């Protein structure tokens, strides 16, 4: 029967952690981009009313 060695298990955990970190960073980037566009649009609306 085959068992994963400690090094392989550690590598799998590191890969999962890395993928989770990438997903979190990408989600943060998308949300910051959406907020920035919303602020720019609000600023344009406020300036155009003056």
N, C-alpha and C. Protein backbone atom coordinates (compact mmCIF):
# COMPACT_ATOMS: atom_id res chain seq x y z
N UNK A 1 0.84 -1.18 0.00
CA UNK A 1 0.00 0.00 0.00
C UNK A 1 0.88 1.25 0.00
N UNK A 2 0.44 2.29 -0.72
CA UNK A 2 1.25 3.50 -0.86
C UNK A 2 0.79 4.55 0.14
N UNK A 3 1.74 5.13 0.82
CA UNK A 3 1.47 6.23 1.73
C UNK A 3 2.30 7.43 1.31
N UNK A 4 1.71 8.60 1.42
CA UNK A 4 2.43 9.82 1.08
C UNK A 4 3.46 10.11 2.15
N UNK A 5 4.64 10.51 1.73
CA UNK A 5 5.67 10.86 2.69
C UNK A 5 5.37 12.24 3.27
N UNK A 6 6.06 12.56 4.32
CA UNK A 6 5.85 13.87 4.97
C UNK A 6 6.13 15.02 4.01
N UNK A 7 7.17 14.85 3.18
CA UNK A 7 7.53 15.91 2.23
C UNK A 7 6.41 16.13 1.21
N UNK A 8 5.80 15.02 0.72
CA UNK A 8 4.72 15.15 -0.25
C UNK A 8 3.49 15.78 0.37
N UNK A 9 3.18 15.39 1.60
CA UNK A 9 2.03 15.98 2.29
C UNK A 9 2.27 17.47 2.51
N UNK A 10 3.48 17.83 2.91
CA UNK A 10 3.81 19.24 3.13
C UNK A 10 3.69 20.02 1.82
N UNK A 11 4.12 19.41 0.72
CA UNK A 11 4.04 20.08 -0.58
C UNK A 11 2.58 20.28 -0.99
N UNK A 12 1.73 19.29 -0.74
CA UNK A 12 0.31 19.42 -1.07
C UNK A 12 -0.32 20.54 -0.24
N UNK A 13 0.02 20.60 1.03
CA UNK A 13 -0.53 21.65 1.89
C UNK A 13 -0.03 23.02 1.43
N UNK A 14 1.25 23.10 1.07
CA UNK A 14 1.79 24.38 0.59
C UNK A 14 1.11 24.80 -0.70
N UNK A 15 0.82 23.84 -1.58
CA UNK A 15 0.15 24.16 -2.83
C UNK A 15 -1.26 24.67 -2.57
N UNK A 16 -1.98 24.01 -1.66
CA UNK A 16 -3.33 24.46 -1.33
C UNK A 16 -3.30 25.85 -0.71
N UNK A 17 -2.34 26.08 0.16
CA UNK A 17 -2.22 27.40 0.80
C UNK A 17 -1.89 28.46 -0.23
N UNK A 18 -1.02 28.15 -1.17
CA UNK A 18 -0.65 29.10 -2.21
C UNK A 18 -1.85 29.42 -3.10
N UNK A 19 -2.63 28.41 -3.47
CA UNK A 19 -3.82 28.66 -4.29
C UNK A 19 -4.83 29.50 -3.53
N UNK A 20 -5.01 29.23 -2.25
CA UNK A 20 -5.93 30.03 -1.44
C UNK A 20 -5.47 31.48 -1.36
N UNK A 21 -4.17 31.68 -1.19
CA UNK A 21 -3.62 33.03 -1.12
C UNK A 21 -3.82 33.77 -2.44
N UNK A 22 -3.60 33.08 -3.55
CA UNK A 22 -3.80 33.69 -4.86
C UNK A 22 -5.27 34.09 -5.05
N UNK A 23 -6.18 33.19 -4.65
CA UNK A 23 -7.61 33.50 -4.77
C UNK A 23 -7.98 34.71 -3.92
N UNK A 24 -7.46 34.77 -2.70
CA UNK A 24 -7.76 35.91 -1.83
C UNK A 24 -7.21 37.22 -2.40
N UNK A 25 -5.98 37.18 -2.91
CA UNK A 25 -5.40 38.39 -3.50
C UNK A 25 -6.18 38.84 -4.73
N UNK A 26 -6.60 37.89 -5.56
CA UNK A 26 -7.36 38.23 -6.76
C UNK A 26 -8.71 38.84 -6.39
N UNK A 27 -9.37 38.25 -5.39
CA UNK A 27 -10.65 38.77 -4.94
C UNK A 27 -10.48 40.19 -4.39
N UNK A 28 -9.41 40.42 -3.63
CA UNK A 28 -9.13 41.75 -3.12
C UNK A 28 -8.88 42.75 -4.23
N UNK A 29 -8.14 42.33 -5.24
CA UNK A 29 -7.86 43.20 -6.38
C UNK A 29 -9.14 43.58 -7.11
N UNK A 30 -10.00 42.61 -7.33
CA UNK A 30 -11.27 42.88 -8.03
C UNK A 30 -12.14 43.82 -7.21
N UNK A 31 -12.22 43.58 -5.91
CA UNK A 31 -13.07 44.44 -5.08
C UNK A 31 -12.53 45.86 -5.00
N UNK A 32 -11.23 46.02 -4.88
CA UNK A 32 -10.64 47.36 -4.85
C UNK A 32 -10.87 48.08 -6.18
N UNK A 33 -10.78 47.35 -7.29
CA UNK A 33 -11.02 47.94 -8.60
C UNK A 33 -12.46 48.41 -8.73
N UNK A 34 -13.40 47.59 -8.26
CA UNK A 34 -14.82 47.98 -8.33
C UNK A 34 -15.07 49.22 -7.48
N UNK A 35 -14.50 49.26 -6.28
CA UNK A 35 -14.68 50.43 -5.41
C UNK A 35 -14.07 51.67 -6.05
N UNK A 36 -12.91 51.53 -6.68
CA UNK A 36 -12.26 52.68 -7.32
C UNK A 36 -13.12 53.22 -8.46
N UNK A 37 -13.67 52.32 -9.29
CA UNK A 37 -14.53 52.77 -10.38
C UNK A 37 -15.77 53.45 -9.85
N UNK A 38 -16.34 52.91 -8.77
CA UNK A 38 -17.55 53.52 -8.19
C UNK A 38 -17.24 54.93 -7.67
N UNK A 39 -16.07 55.08 -7.04
CA UNK A 39 -15.70 56.41 -6.54
C UNK A 39 -15.46 57.39 -7.68
N UNK A 40 -14.84 56.93 -8.75
CA UNK A 40 -14.61 57.81 -9.90
C UNK A 40 -15.94 58.23 -10.51
N UNK A 41 -16.87 57.28 -10.65
CA UNK A 41 -18.18 57.63 -11.22
C UNK A 41 -18.92 58.61 -10.31
N UNK A 42 -18.86 58.38 -8.99
CA UNK A 42 -19.51 59.31 -8.06
C UNK A 42 -18.88 60.69 -8.15
N UNK A 43 -17.56 60.75 -8.28
CA UNK A 43 -16.88 62.03 -8.39
C UNK A 43 -17.28 62.75 -9.67
N UNK A 44 -17.39 62.03 -10.76
CA UNK A 44 -17.81 62.63 -12.02
C UNK A 44 -19.23 63.17 -11.91
N UNK A 45 -20.12 62.43 -11.28
CA UNK A 45 -21.50 62.88 -11.12
C UNK A 45 -21.55 64.14 -10.26
N UNK A 46 -20.78 64.17 -9.18
CA UNK A 46 -20.78 65.33 -8.29
C UNK A 46 -20.21 66.56 -9.00
N UNK A 47 -19.13 66.38 -9.74
CA UNK A 47 -18.51 67.51 -10.45
C UNK A 47 -19.41 68.00 -11.58
N UNK A 48 -20.09 67.10 -12.26
CA UNK A 48 -20.94 67.53 -13.38
C UNK A 48 -22.17 68.28 -12.92
N UNK A 49 -22.60 68.10 -11.67
CA UNK A 49 -23.77 68.82 -11.17
C UNK A 49 -23.46 70.25 -10.79
N UNK A 50 -22.19 70.58 -10.61
CA UNK A 50 -21.82 71.93 -10.17
C UNK A 50 -21.89 72.93 -11.29
